[in-house]
Amino acid sequence: MEEGFYQRHMFICLNHRDNGEQSCNNSGLADEMFHLAKKHAKSLGIHGDHQVRVNRCGCLGRCQEGPVAVVYPEAVWYTFVDGDDVREIVESHLRDGVPVDRLRI
């Protein structure tokens, strides 16, 4: 059995609630940061089979802390406020294997 198809897998919540309740993508920031993370991982040459993957997902259940992302297999949860935060997660955790403590939740 293959151990893991990806070395690391990042999921970014893009859930949006029309009723006004807090969710990760109500402002559109999470969607923007998903595209930035994926593009940055590709520019670093680390996105693809047996490397890393950046995926969008629905609600991860941590809406009050959002926007949120989680990186597996370490199960490290993050929040972020801008592109600099997301680029740091991609470079430090996805590429180098070092979680970004200041963004952990």
N, C-alpha and C. Protein backbone atom coordinates (compact mmCIF):
# COMPACT_ATOMS: atom_id res chain seq x y z
N MET A 1 0.84 -1.19 0.00
CA MET A 1 0.00 0.00 0.00
C MET A 1 0.88 1.25 0.00
N GLU A 2 0.55 2.19 -0.86
CA GLU A 2 1.31 3.44 -0.96
C GLU A 2 1.13 4.26 0.31
N GLU A 3 2.23 4.80 0.85
CA GLU A 3 2.16 5.52 2.11
C GLU A 3 1.35 6.79 2.03
N GLY A 4 1.59 7.63 1.08
CA GLY A 4 0.85 8.87 0.94
C GLY A 4 1.11 9.45 -0.44
N PHE A 5 0.06 9.85 -1.09
CA PHE A 5 0.24 10.36 -2.44
C PHE A 5 0.92 11.72 -2.44
N TYR A 6 0.65 12.51 -1.40
CA TYR A 6 1.28 13.82 -1.26
C TYR A 6 2.11 13.86 0.00
N GLN A 7 3.22 14.58 -0.05
CA GLN A 7 4.01 14.79 1.17
C GLN A 7 3.22 15.63 2.16
N ARG A 8 2.56 16.67 1.65
CA ARG A 8 1.71 17.53 2.47
C ARG A 8 0.51 17.95 1.64
N HIS A 9 -0.60 18.15 2.33
CA HIS A 9 -1.85 18.50 1.65
C HIS A 9 -2.51 19.62 2.44
N MET A 10 -2.69 20.76 1.80
CA MET A 10 -3.29 21.94 2.45
C MET A 10 -4.72 22.11 1.96
N PHE A 11 -5.64 22.23 2.91
CA PHE A 11 -7.04 22.49 2.61
C PHE A 11 -7.39 23.88 3.12
N ILE A 12 -7.97 24.71 2.25
CA ILE A 12 -8.38 26.06 2.62
C ILE A 12 -9.89 26.13 2.53
N CYS A 13 -10.52 26.49 3.64
CA CYS A 13 -11.98 26.57 3.68
C CYS A 13 -12.46 27.76 2.85
N LEU A 14 -13.40 27.47 1.93
CA LEU A 14 -13.99 28.52 1.11
C LEU A 14 -15.49 28.63 1.37
N ASN A 15 -15.92 28.18 2.55
CA ASN A 15 -17.35 28.22 2.86
C ASN A 15 -17.84 29.67 2.96
N HIS A 16 -19.03 29.89 2.40
CA HIS A 16 -19.68 31.20 2.43
C HIS A 16 -21.12 31.01 2.87
N ARG A 17 -21.54 31.83 3.83
CA ARG A 17 -22.92 31.77 4.30
C ARG A 17 -23.64 33.05 3.92
N ASP A 18 -24.72 32.91 3.18
CA ASP A 18 -25.50 34.06 2.74
C ASP A 18 -26.33 34.69 3.85
N ASN A 19 -26.54 33.95 4.94
CA ASN A 19 -27.41 34.46 6.02
C ASN A 19 -26.69 35.41 6.97
N GLY A 20 -25.43 35.73 6.70
CA GLY A 20 -24.70 36.68 7.54
C GLY A 20 -23.90 36.05 8.66
N GLU A 21 -24.09 34.75 8.93
CA GLU A 21 -23.29 34.09 9.96
C GLU A 21 -21.83 34.06 9.52
N GLN A 22 -20.94 34.12 10.49
CA GLN A 22 -19.51 34.13 10.19
C GLN A 22 -19.12 32.84 9.47
N SER A 23 -18.34 33.00 8.44
CA SER A 23 -17.74 31.86 7.73
C SER A 23 -16.44 32.33 7.09
N CYS A 24 -15.63 31.39 6.68
CA CYS A 24 -14.28 31.71 6.24
C CYS A 24 -14.21 32.59 5.00
N ASN A 25 -15.19 32.49 4.12
CA ASN A 25 -15.07 33.21 2.84
C ASN A 25 -16.13 34.29 2.66
N ASN A 26 -16.74 34.77 3.73
CA ASN A 26 -17.76 35.81 3.57
C ASN A 26 -17.22 37.06 2.89
N SER A 27 -15.97 37.39 3.14
CA SER A 27 -15.39 38.59 2.53
C SER A 27 -14.73 38.32 1.18
N GLY A 28 -14.59 37.05 0.82
CA GLY A 28 -13.90 36.69 -0.42
C GLY A 28 -12.41 36.49 -0.26
N LEU A 29 -11.88 36.80 0.93
CA LEU A 29 -10.44 36.69 1.17
C LEU A 29 -9.95 35.25 1.01
N ALA A 30 -10.68 34.28 1.55
CA ALA A 30 -10.22 32.89 1.49
C ALA A 30 -10.08 32.41 0.06
N ASP A 31 -11.03 32.78 -0.80
CA ASP A 31 -10.95 32.37 -2.20
C ASP A 31 -9.71 32.97 -2.86
N GLU A 32 -9.47 34.24 -2.61
CA GLU A 32 -8.28 34.91 -3.14
C GLU A 32 -7.00 34.23 -2.65
N MET A 33 -6.96 33.88 -1.36
CA MET A 33 -5.77 33.27 -0.77
C MET A 33 -5.57 31.84 -1.25
N PHE A 34 -6.67 31.13 -1.55
CA PHE A 34 -6.55 29.79 -2.14
C PHE A 34 -5.80 29.87 -3.46
N HIS A 35 -6.22 30.78 -4.33
CA HIS A 35 -5.58 30.91 -5.63
C HIS A 35 -4.12 31.34 -5.49
N LEU A 36 -3.85 32.23 -4.55
CA LEU A 36 -2.47 32.66 -4.32
C LEU A 36 -1.61 31.49 -3.83
N ALA A 37 -2.12 30.70 -2.87
CA ALA A 37 -1.35 29.58 -2.32
C ALA A 37 -1.03 28.56 -3.40
N LYS A 38 -2.01 28.23 -4.20
CA LYS A 38 -1.79 27.24 -5.26
C LYS A 38 -0.78 27.75 -6.29
N LYS A 39 -0.94 29.01 -6.70
CA LYS A 39 -0.02 29.61 -7.67
C LYS A 39 1.40 29.68 -7.11
N HIS A 40 1.51 30.04 -5.82
CA HIS A 40 2.84 30.15 -5.21
C HIS A 40 3.51 28.78 -5.11
N ALA A 41 2.74 27.76 -4.71
CA ALA A 41 3.31 26.41 -4.64
C ALA A 41 3.78 25.95 -6.02
N LYS A 42 3.00 26.26 -7.04
CA LYS A 42 3.42 25.90 -8.40
C LYS A 42 4.68 26.66 -8.80
N SER A 43 4.76 27.95 -8.45
CA SER A 43 5.94 28.75 -8.82
C SER A 43 7.21 28.24 -8.12
N LEU A 44 7.03 27.63 -6.95
CA LEU A 44 8.17 27.06 -6.23
C LEU A 44 8.53 25.66 -6.73
N GLY A 45 7.70 25.11 -7.61
CA GLY A 45 7.96 23.78 -8.16
C GLY A 45 7.65 22.65 -7.21
N ILE A 46 6.77 22.90 -6.24
CA ILE A 46 6.48 21.87 -5.23
C ILE A 46 5.06 21.32 -5.33
N HIS A 47 4.24 21.82 -6.25
CA HIS A 47 2.84 21.41 -6.35
C HIS A 47 2.70 20.30 -7.37
N GLY A 48 2.23 19.14 -6.94
CA GLY A 48 2.01 18.04 -7.88
C GLY A 48 2.14 16.69 -7.21
N ASP A 49 1.97 15.66 -8.00
CA ASP A 49 2.02 14.29 -7.50
C ASP A 49 3.28 14.04 -6.68
N HIS A 50 3.09 13.42 -5.53
CA HIS A 50 4.16 13.04 -4.61
C HIS A 50 4.90 14.23 -4.02
N GLN A 51 4.33 15.41 -4.16
CA GLN A 51 4.89 16.62 -3.57
C GLN A 51 3.83 17.21 -2.64
N VAL A 52 3.35 18.39 -2.94
CA VAL A 52 2.30 18.99 -2.12
C VAL A 52 1.10 19.32 -3.00
N ARG A 53 -0.03 19.50 -2.33
CA ARG A 53 -1.27 19.84 -3.02
C ARG A 53 -1.99 20.89 -2.19
N VAL A 54 -2.56 21.89 -2.87
CA VAL A 54 -3.39 22.90 -2.23
C VAL A 54 -4.80 22.73 -2.79
N ASN A 55 -5.76 22.48 -1.88
CA ASN A 55 -7.15 22.25 -2.28
C ASN A 55 -8.09 23.19 -1.56
N ARG A 56 -9.17 23.54 -2.24
CA ARG A 56 -10.27 24.26 -1.59
C ARG A 56 -11.17 23.20 -0.95
N CYS A 57 -11.90 23.62 0.08
CA CYS A 57 -12.84 22.71 0.71
C CYS A 57 -13.99 23.51 1.30
N GLY A 58 -15.02 22.80 1.73
CA GLY A 58 -16.14 23.41 2.42
C GLY A 58 -15.82 23.61 3.88
N CYS A 59 -16.83 23.79 4.67
CA CYS A 59 -16.67 24.14 6.08
C CYS A 59 -15.83 23.13 6.84
N LEU A 60 -14.87 23.64 7.58
CA LEU A 60 -14.02 22.82 8.44
C LEU A 60 -14.44 22.91 9.90
N GLY A 61 -15.49 23.67 10.18
CA GLY A 61 -16.05 23.73 11.53
C GLY A 61 -15.36 24.67 12.50
N ARG A 62 -14.48 25.52 12.01
CA ARG A 62 -13.79 26.47 12.89
C ARG A 62 -14.04 27.90 12.44
N CYS A 63 -15.29 28.18 12.13
CA CYS A 63 -15.70 29.45 11.53
C CYS A 63 -15.31 30.66 12.36
N GLN A 64 -15.37 30.56 13.66
CA GLN A 64 -15.06 31.69 14.53
C GLN A 64 -13.58 32.07 14.48
N GLU A 65 -12.74 31.19 13.96
CA GLU A 65 -11.30 31.44 13.89
C GLU A 65 -10.84 31.76 12.47
N GLY A 66 -11.77 31.85 11.56
CA GLY A 66 -11.47 31.93 10.14
C GLY A 66 -11.02 33.28 9.65
N PRO A 67 -10.51 33.27 8.44
CA PRO A 67 -10.44 32.11 7.56
C PRO A 67 -9.41 31.09 8.06
N VAL A 68 -9.68 29.82 7.75
CA VAL A 68 -8.81 28.76 8.24
C VAL A 68 -8.32 27.86 7.11
N ALA A 69 -7.19 27.22 7.41
CA ALA A 69 -6.62 26.19 6.55
C ALA A 69 -6.03 25.13 7.46
N VAL A 70 -5.87 23.93 6.93
CA VAL A 70 -5.24 22.85 7.68
C VAL A 70 -4.28 22.13 6.75
N VAL A 71 -3.13 21.74 7.30
CA VAL A 71 -2.11 21.04 6.53
C VAL A 71 -1.93 19.64 7.11
N TYR A 72 -2.08 18.65 6.24
CA TYR A 72 -1.87 17.25 6.61
C TYR A 72 -0.62 16.73 5.92
N PRO A 73 0.10 15.77 6.50
CA PRO A 73 -0.37 14.85 7.52
C PRO A 73 -0.20 15.34 8.95
N GLU A 74 0.40 16.51 9.14
CA GLU A 74 0.67 16.96 10.52
C GLU A 74 -0.57 17.48 11.24
N ALA A 75 -1.64 17.74 10.50
CA ALA A 75 -2.89 18.28 11.08
C ALA A 75 -2.65 19.60 11.81
N VAL A 76 -1.92 20.50 11.15
CA VAL A 76 -1.65 21.82 11.70
C VAL A 76 -2.69 22.78 11.14
N TRP A 77 -3.39 23.46 12.05
CA TRP A 77 -4.44 24.41 11.69
C TRP A 77 -3.88 25.83 11.68
N TYR A 78 -4.31 26.59 10.67
CA TYR A 78 -3.85 27.97 10.52
C TYR A 78 -5.02 28.93 10.31
N THR A 79 -4.76 30.19 10.67
CA THR A 79 -5.56 31.29 10.19
C THR A 79 -4.61 32.26 9.50
N PHE A 80 -5.15 33.15 8.68
CA PHE A 80 -4.31 34.06 7.91
C PHE A 80 -5.09 35.33 7.64
N VAL A 81 -4.36 36.42 7.41
CA VAL A 81 -5.04 37.70 7.15
C VAL A 81 -4.67 38.29 5.79
N ASP A 82 -3.57 37.80 5.18
CA ASP A 82 -3.17 38.39 3.90
C ASP A 82 -2.25 37.44 3.14
N GLY A 83 -1.83 37.90 1.97
CA GLY A 83 -0.98 37.10 1.12
C GLY A 83 0.37 36.78 1.72
N ASP A 84 0.92 37.67 2.51
CA ASP A 84 2.20 37.39 3.15
C ASP A 84 2.09 36.18 4.07
N ASP A 85 0.97 36.09 4.82
CA ASP A 85 0.76 34.94 5.71
C ASP A 85 0.69 33.64 4.90
N VAL A 86 -0.05 33.66 3.82
CA VAL A 86 -0.23 32.46 3.00
C VAL A 86 1.08 32.06 2.34
N ARG A 87 1.82 33.01 1.81
CA ARG A 87 3.12 32.69 1.21
C ARG A 87 4.06 32.08 2.26
N GLU A 88 4.00 32.59 3.49
CA GLU A 88 4.84 32.04 4.56
C GLU A 88 4.47 30.60 4.87
N ILE A 89 3.18 30.29 4.91
CA ILE A 89 2.74 28.91 5.14
C ILE A 89 3.24 28.00 4.02
N VAL A 90 3.09 28.44 2.78
CA VAL A 90 3.52 27.64 1.63
C VAL A 90 5.03 27.40 1.69
N GLU A 91 5.80 28.44 1.92
CA GLU A 91 7.26 28.29 1.92
C GLU A 91 7.76 27.52 3.13
N SER A 92 7.31 27.91 4.32
CA SER A 92 7.85 27.32 5.53
C SER A 92 7.31 25.91 5.77
N HIS A 93 6.00 25.75 5.69
CA HIS A 93 5.42 24.44 6.04
C HIS A 93 5.36 23.51 4.84
N LEU A 94 4.74 23.95 3.74
CA LEU A 94 4.60 23.03 2.61
C LEU A 94 5.94 22.68 1.97
N ARG A 95 6.78 23.67 1.77
CA ARG A 95 8.07 23.41 1.12
C ARG A 95 9.12 22.86 2.09
N ASP A 96 9.27 23.55 3.25
CA ASP A 96 10.38 23.22 4.15
C ASP A 96 10.00 22.30 5.30
N GLY A 97 8.72 22.05 5.51
CA GLY A 97 8.29 21.14 6.58
C GLY A 97 8.30 21.75 7.96
N VAL A 98 8.36 23.09 8.05
CA VAL A 98 8.41 23.77 9.34
C VAL A 98 7.12 24.56 9.54
N PRO A 99 6.25 24.11 10.48
CA PRO A 99 5.01 24.85 10.73
C PRO A 99 5.28 26.30 11.14
N VAL A 100 4.34 27.15 10.82
CA VAL A 100 4.44 28.59 11.12
C VAL A 100 3.69 28.84 12.42
N ASP A 101 4.41 28.85 13.53
CA ASP A 101 3.79 28.93 14.85
C ASP A 101 2.92 30.18 15.04
N ARG A 102 3.32 31.31 14.51
CA ARG A 102 2.57 32.54 14.76
C ARG A 102 1.19 32.53 14.11
N LEU A 103 0.95 31.65 13.15
CA LEU A 103 -0.35 31.58 12.47
C LEU A 103 -1.18 30.37 12.90
N ARG A 104 -0.65 29.57 13.79
CA ARG A 104 -1.38 28.37 14.25
C ARG A 104 -2.58 28.73 15.11
N ILE A 105 -3.61 27.91 14.99
CA ILE A 105 -4.77 28.05 15.87
C ILE A 105 -5.02 26.73 16.57
